[in-house]
Structures are given as structure tokens and as C-alpha cells.
Amino acid sequence: MTIPANPASPADPQALALSALGWIVADDDRAGRFLALTGLTPDLLRAGLGYRGTHVAVIDFLCAHEPDLVAAADSLGVKPEALAAAGKALQA
């Protein structure tokens, strides 16, 4: 599965979460921190790409560390609030 470089629309929370995941795993240290904090392994992450729980974990990871949230939002061309809103939408 290819993770899009930019989300199709900030209104699509799944696409935004997958784009954010792409941003996370682009940096080895950040990816390692994500895996350590979520308890996921690379294999579990790959297997869970289509699951809402994985998408929520991505957004929660970013929201828990404001510098990452702001940097990811900037890289994805969205406001940090759009990422937070995507997390809420995914949890609904």
C-alpha cells in the first residue's frame, strides 16, 4: 500500500492519518518513537494500515507532541487543527 505524500482532502480523516504516518516514518528516530509508544512492530503497522485504530494511533501520537503536530501539519499543507479534528472524527 502506498502512503500518499499529501492528503486528497483534510476532510478525509483516513487519508490525512495515512499521510501523517508517511511523515512519521520518513524519519528513523520519529518512526522508532512512534513504534515504541504505540507498541506496534513494523509488521503490525503494515498489517494495520487499513484499520481505524492505527489511524487514531497516528493522530494521537502527533497530538501528544506539539512540535511534531505542527511540523507534520506544515509538511502536509494543513493546519494542526485539521489533524486534531481528523483524530476526533476517526474516534467517533
N, C-alpha and C. Protein backbone atom coordinates (compact mmCIF):
# COMPACT_ATOMS: atom_id res chain seq x y z
N MET A 1 0.85 -1.18 0.00
CA MET A 1 0.00 0.00 0.00
C MET A 1 0.89 1.23 0.00
N THR A 2 0.60 2.15 -0.88
CA THR A 2 1.36 3.39 -0.96
C THR A 2 0.71 4.44 -0.09
N ILE A 3 1.52 5.12 0.71
CA ILE A 3 1.02 6.20 1.55
C ILE A 3 1.15 7.48 0.76
N PRO A 4 0.03 8.21 0.57
CA PRO A 4 0.08 9.42 -0.23
C PRO A 4 0.97 10.48 0.41
N ALA A 5 1.68 11.24 -0.43
CA ALA A 5 2.55 12.30 0.06
C ALA A 5 1.73 13.44 0.65
N ASN A 6 0.61 13.72 0.05
CA ASN A 6 -0.28 14.77 0.53
C ASN A 6 -1.70 14.23 0.53
N PRO A 7 -2.46 14.56 1.56
CA PRO A 7 -3.82 14.06 1.60
C PRO A 7 -4.67 14.63 0.48
N ALA A 8 -5.63 13.85 0.02
CA ALA A 8 -6.53 14.33 -1.01
C ALA A 8 -7.34 15.51 -0.48
N SER A 9 -7.72 15.42 0.76
CA SER A 9 -8.53 16.47 1.37
C SER A 9 -8.40 16.38 2.88
N PRO A 10 -8.24 17.53 3.56
CA PRO A 10 -8.21 17.47 5.02
C PRO A 10 -9.52 16.94 5.60
N ALA A 11 -10.57 16.92 4.78
CA ALA A 11 -11.86 16.42 5.24
C ALA A 11 -11.90 14.89 5.27
N ASP A 12 -10.91 14.23 4.70
CA ASP A 12 -10.85 12.76 4.70
C ASP A 12 -9.89 12.33 5.80
N PRO A 13 -10.42 12.01 6.99
CA PRO A 13 -9.54 11.71 8.12
C PRO A 13 -8.63 10.51 7.90
N GLN A 14 -9.09 9.50 7.19
CA GLN A 14 -8.24 8.33 6.95
C GLN A 14 -7.06 8.69 6.05
N ALA A 15 -7.31 9.43 4.99
CA ALA A 15 -6.23 9.84 4.09
C ALA A 15 -5.25 10.75 4.82
N LEU A 16 -5.77 11.63 5.66
CA LEU A 16 -4.91 12.52 6.41
C LEU A 16 -4.04 11.73 7.40
N ALA A 17 -4.62 10.74 8.07
CA ALA A 17 -3.86 9.91 9.00
C ALA A 17 -2.77 9.12 8.27
N LEU A 18 -3.08 8.59 7.12
CA LEU A 18 -2.08 7.84 6.35
C LEU A 18 -0.97 8.76 5.85
N SER A 19 -1.32 9.97 5.45
CA SER A 19 -0.31 10.93 5.04
C SER A 19 0.57 11.30 6.23
N ALA A 20 -0.05 11.47 7.38
CA ALA A 20 0.70 11.79 8.59
C ALA A 20 1.63 10.63 8.96
N LEU A 21 1.16 9.41 8.78
CA LEU A 21 2.01 8.25 9.03
C LEU A 21 3.22 8.27 8.10
N GLY A 22 3.01 8.61 6.87
CA GLY A 22 4.13 8.74 5.93
C GLY A 22 5.16 9.74 6.42
N TRP A 23 4.67 10.85 6.98
CA TRP A 23 5.56 11.85 7.53
C TRP A 23 6.31 11.29 8.74
N ILE A 24 5.62 10.56 9.58
CA ILE A 24 6.25 9.98 10.79
C ILE A 24 7.37 9.02 10.40
N VAL A 25 7.09 8.10 9.49
CA VAL A 25 8.07 7.06 9.17
C VAL A 25 9.20 7.55 8.27
N ALA A 26 9.09 8.77 7.77
CA ALA A 26 10.16 9.33 6.94
C ALA A 26 11.41 9.64 7.76
N ASP A 27 11.28 9.68 9.08
CA ASP A 27 12.40 9.96 9.96
C ASP A 27 12.60 8.75 10.88
N ASP A 28 13.77 8.15 10.86
CA ASP A 28 14.01 6.93 11.63
C ASP A 28 13.79 7.11 13.13
N ASP A 29 14.27 8.21 13.69
CA ASP A 29 14.10 8.43 15.13
C ASP A 29 12.63 8.61 15.49
N ARG A 30 11.93 9.38 14.69
CA ARG A 30 10.50 9.61 14.94
C ARG A 30 9.72 8.31 14.76
N ALA A 31 10.06 7.55 13.74
CA ALA A 31 9.38 6.26 13.50
C ALA A 31 9.63 5.32 14.67
N GLY A 32 10.85 5.28 15.16
CA GLY A 32 11.16 4.43 16.30
C GLY A 32 10.39 4.85 17.55
N ARG A 33 10.26 6.15 17.76
CA ARG A 33 9.49 6.64 18.90
C ARG A 33 8.02 6.28 18.75
N PHE A 34 7.49 6.40 17.53
CA PHE A 34 6.10 6.03 17.28
C PHE A 34 5.86 4.55 17.60
N LEU A 35 6.74 3.69 17.10
CA LEU A 35 6.59 2.26 17.36
C LEU A 35 6.71 1.95 18.85
N ALA A 36 7.67 2.59 19.51
CA ALA A 36 7.86 2.34 20.94
C ALA A 36 6.65 2.79 21.76
N LEU A 37 6.12 3.95 21.43
CA LEU A 37 5.00 4.48 22.21
C LEU A 37 3.68 3.77 21.92
N THR A 38 3.51 3.28 20.71
CA THR A 38 2.26 2.60 20.37
C THR A 38 2.32 1.11 20.65
N GLY A 39 3.53 0.56 20.79
CA GLY A 39 3.67 -0.87 20.99
C GLY A 39 3.56 -1.66 19.69
N LEU A 40 3.48 -0.96 18.58
CA LEU A 40 3.40 -1.64 17.28
C LEU A 40 4.79 -2.08 16.84
N THR A 41 4.81 -3.11 16.05
CA THR A 41 6.02 -3.53 15.36
C THR A 41 5.85 -3.12 13.90
N PRO A 42 6.92 -3.09 13.13
CA PRO A 42 6.75 -2.76 11.71
C PRO A 42 5.75 -3.68 11.01
N ASP A 43 5.76 -4.97 11.34
CA ASP A 43 4.82 -5.90 10.71
C ASP A 43 3.38 -5.60 11.11
N LEU A 44 3.16 -5.32 12.40
CA LEU A 44 1.80 -4.97 12.84
C LEU A 44 1.33 -3.66 12.23
N LEU A 45 2.24 -2.72 12.09
CA LEU A 45 1.89 -1.45 11.46
C LEU A 45 1.46 -1.66 10.01
N ARG A 46 2.25 -2.42 9.28
CA ARG A 46 1.89 -2.71 7.88
C ARG A 46 0.54 -3.41 7.79
N ALA A 47 0.33 -4.38 8.67
CA ALA A 47 -0.93 -5.14 8.65
C ALA A 47 -2.11 -4.27 9.05
N GLY A 48 -1.86 -3.23 9.84
CA GLY A 48 -2.95 -2.40 10.35
C GLY A 48 -3.20 -1.12 9.58
N LEU A 49 -2.57 -0.94 8.43
CA LEU A 49 -2.72 0.32 7.69
C LEU A 49 -4.17 0.65 7.35
N GLY A 50 -4.99 -0.34 7.17
CA GLY A 50 -6.38 -0.09 6.80
C GLY A 50 -7.33 0.02 7.98
N TYR A 51 -6.80 -0.05 9.20
CA TYR A 51 -7.66 -0.07 10.37
C TYR A 51 -7.75 1.29 11.05
N ARG A 52 -8.93 1.58 11.48
CA ARG A 52 -9.22 2.85 12.17
C ARG A 52 -8.31 3.03 13.40
N GLY A 53 -8.10 1.97 14.16
CA GLY A 53 -7.26 2.06 15.36
C GLY A 53 -5.85 2.53 15.05
N THR A 54 -5.31 2.09 13.95
CA THR A 54 -3.99 2.54 13.53
C THR A 54 -4.02 4.01 13.18
N HIS A 55 -5.06 4.42 12.48
CA HIS A 55 -5.19 5.83 12.09
C HIS A 55 -5.29 6.71 13.33
N VAL A 56 -6.07 6.26 14.30
CA VAL A 56 -6.21 7.00 15.56
C VAL A 56 -4.87 7.08 16.27
N ALA A 57 -4.12 5.98 16.30
CA ALA A 57 -2.82 5.98 16.96
C ALA A 57 -1.87 6.99 16.33
N VAL A 58 -1.92 7.12 15.02
CA VAL A 58 -1.07 8.09 14.31
C VAL A 58 -1.41 9.51 14.77
N ILE A 59 -2.67 9.85 14.74
CA ILE A 59 -3.08 11.21 15.11
C ILE A 59 -2.82 11.46 16.60
N ASP A 60 -3.10 10.48 17.45
CA ASP A 60 -2.84 10.63 18.88
C ASP A 60 -1.35 10.86 19.14
N PHE A 61 -0.51 10.14 18.42
CA PHE A 61 0.94 10.31 18.55
C PHE A 61 1.34 11.75 18.25
N LEU A 62 0.81 12.29 17.18
CA LEU A 62 1.15 13.67 16.81
C LEU A 62 0.58 14.67 17.80
N CYS A 63 -0.64 14.46 18.22
CA CYS A 63 -1.29 15.40 19.14
C CYS A 63 -0.62 15.40 20.52
N ALA A 64 0.07 14.33 20.86
CA ALA A 64 0.73 14.24 22.15
C ALA A 64 2.05 15.01 22.20
N HIS A 65 2.53 15.46 21.05
CA HIS A 65 3.82 16.18 20.99
C HIS A 65 3.67 17.33 20.01
N GLU A 66 3.37 18.51 20.55
CA GLU A 66 3.03 19.65 19.70
C GLU A 66 4.06 19.97 18.61
N PRO A 67 5.36 19.89 18.89
CA PRO A 67 6.31 20.16 17.79
C PRO A 67 6.11 19.22 16.59
N ASP A 68 5.84 17.94 16.86
CA ASP A 68 5.57 17.02 15.76
C ASP A 68 4.26 17.35 15.07
N LEU A 69 3.25 17.69 15.84
CA LEU A 69 1.95 18.05 15.27
C LEU A 69 2.09 19.22 14.32
N VAL A 70 2.78 20.26 14.75
CA VAL A 70 2.96 21.46 13.93
C VAL A 70 3.81 21.15 12.70
N ALA A 71 4.88 20.40 12.88
CA ALA A 71 5.76 20.06 11.75
C ALA A 71 5.04 19.18 10.73
N ALA A 72 4.28 18.20 11.21
CA ALA A 72 3.54 17.33 10.30
C ALA A 72 2.50 18.14 9.53
N ALA A 73 1.77 18.97 10.23
CA ALA A 73 0.75 19.79 9.58
C ALA A 73 1.38 20.66 8.50
N ASP A 74 2.50 21.28 8.83
CA ASP A 74 3.19 22.13 7.85
C ASP A 74 3.61 21.33 6.63
N SER A 75 4.18 20.16 6.87
CA SER A 75 4.62 19.31 5.77
C SER A 75 3.46 18.84 4.89
N LEU A 76 2.32 18.59 5.52
CA LEU A 76 1.15 18.09 4.79
C LEU A 76 0.30 19.21 4.20
N GLY A 77 0.62 20.44 4.53
CA GLY A 77 -0.13 21.57 3.98
C GLY A 77 -1.50 21.76 4.60
N VAL A 78 -1.62 21.37 5.87
CA VAL A 78 -2.89 21.55 6.60
C VAL A 78 -2.59 22.25 7.92
N LYS A 79 -3.62 22.70 8.58
CA LYS A 79 -3.45 23.30 9.89
C LYS A 79 -3.38 22.19 10.94
N PRO A 80 -2.67 22.43 12.04
CA PRO A 80 -2.64 21.43 13.10
C PRO A 80 -4.04 21.05 13.57
N GLU A 81 -4.94 22.02 13.54
CA GLU A 81 -6.32 21.76 13.97
C GLU A 81 -6.99 20.72 13.07
N ALA A 82 -6.60 20.68 11.81
CA ALA A 82 -7.18 19.70 10.88
C ALA A 82 -6.74 18.28 11.27
N LEU A 83 -5.50 18.13 11.71
CA LEU A 83 -5.06 16.82 12.17
C LEU A 83 -5.80 16.41 13.44
N ALA A 84 -5.93 17.34 14.37
CA ALA A 84 -6.67 17.03 15.60
C ALA A 84 -8.11 16.69 15.30
N ALA A 85 -8.73 17.42 14.39
CA ALA A 85 -10.12 17.14 14.01
C ALA A 85 -10.24 15.78 13.34
N ALA A 86 -9.24 15.40 12.56
CA ALA A 86 -9.26 14.08 11.93
C ALA A 86 -9.24 12.99 12.99
N GLY A 87 -8.46 13.20 14.04
CA GLY A 87 -8.42 12.23 15.13
C GLY A 87 -9.77 12.09 15.81
N LYS A 88 -10.43 13.21 16.04
CA LYS A 88 -11.75 13.17 16.66
C LYS A 88 -12.75 12.47 15.75
N ALA A 89 -12.69 12.76 14.46
CA ALA A 89 -13.59 12.13 13.50
C ALA A 89 -13.39 10.62 13.45
N LEU A 90 -12.13 10.20 13.54
CA LEU A 90 -11.83 8.77 13.49
C LEU A 90 -12.31 8.05 14.75
N GLN A 91 -12.38 8.76 15.85
CA GLN A 91 -12.82 8.16 17.10
C GLN A 91 -14.33 8.14 17.25
N ALA A 92 -15.01 8.87 16.40
CA ALA A 92 -16.48 8.96 16.50
C ALA A 92 -17.14 7.68 16.02
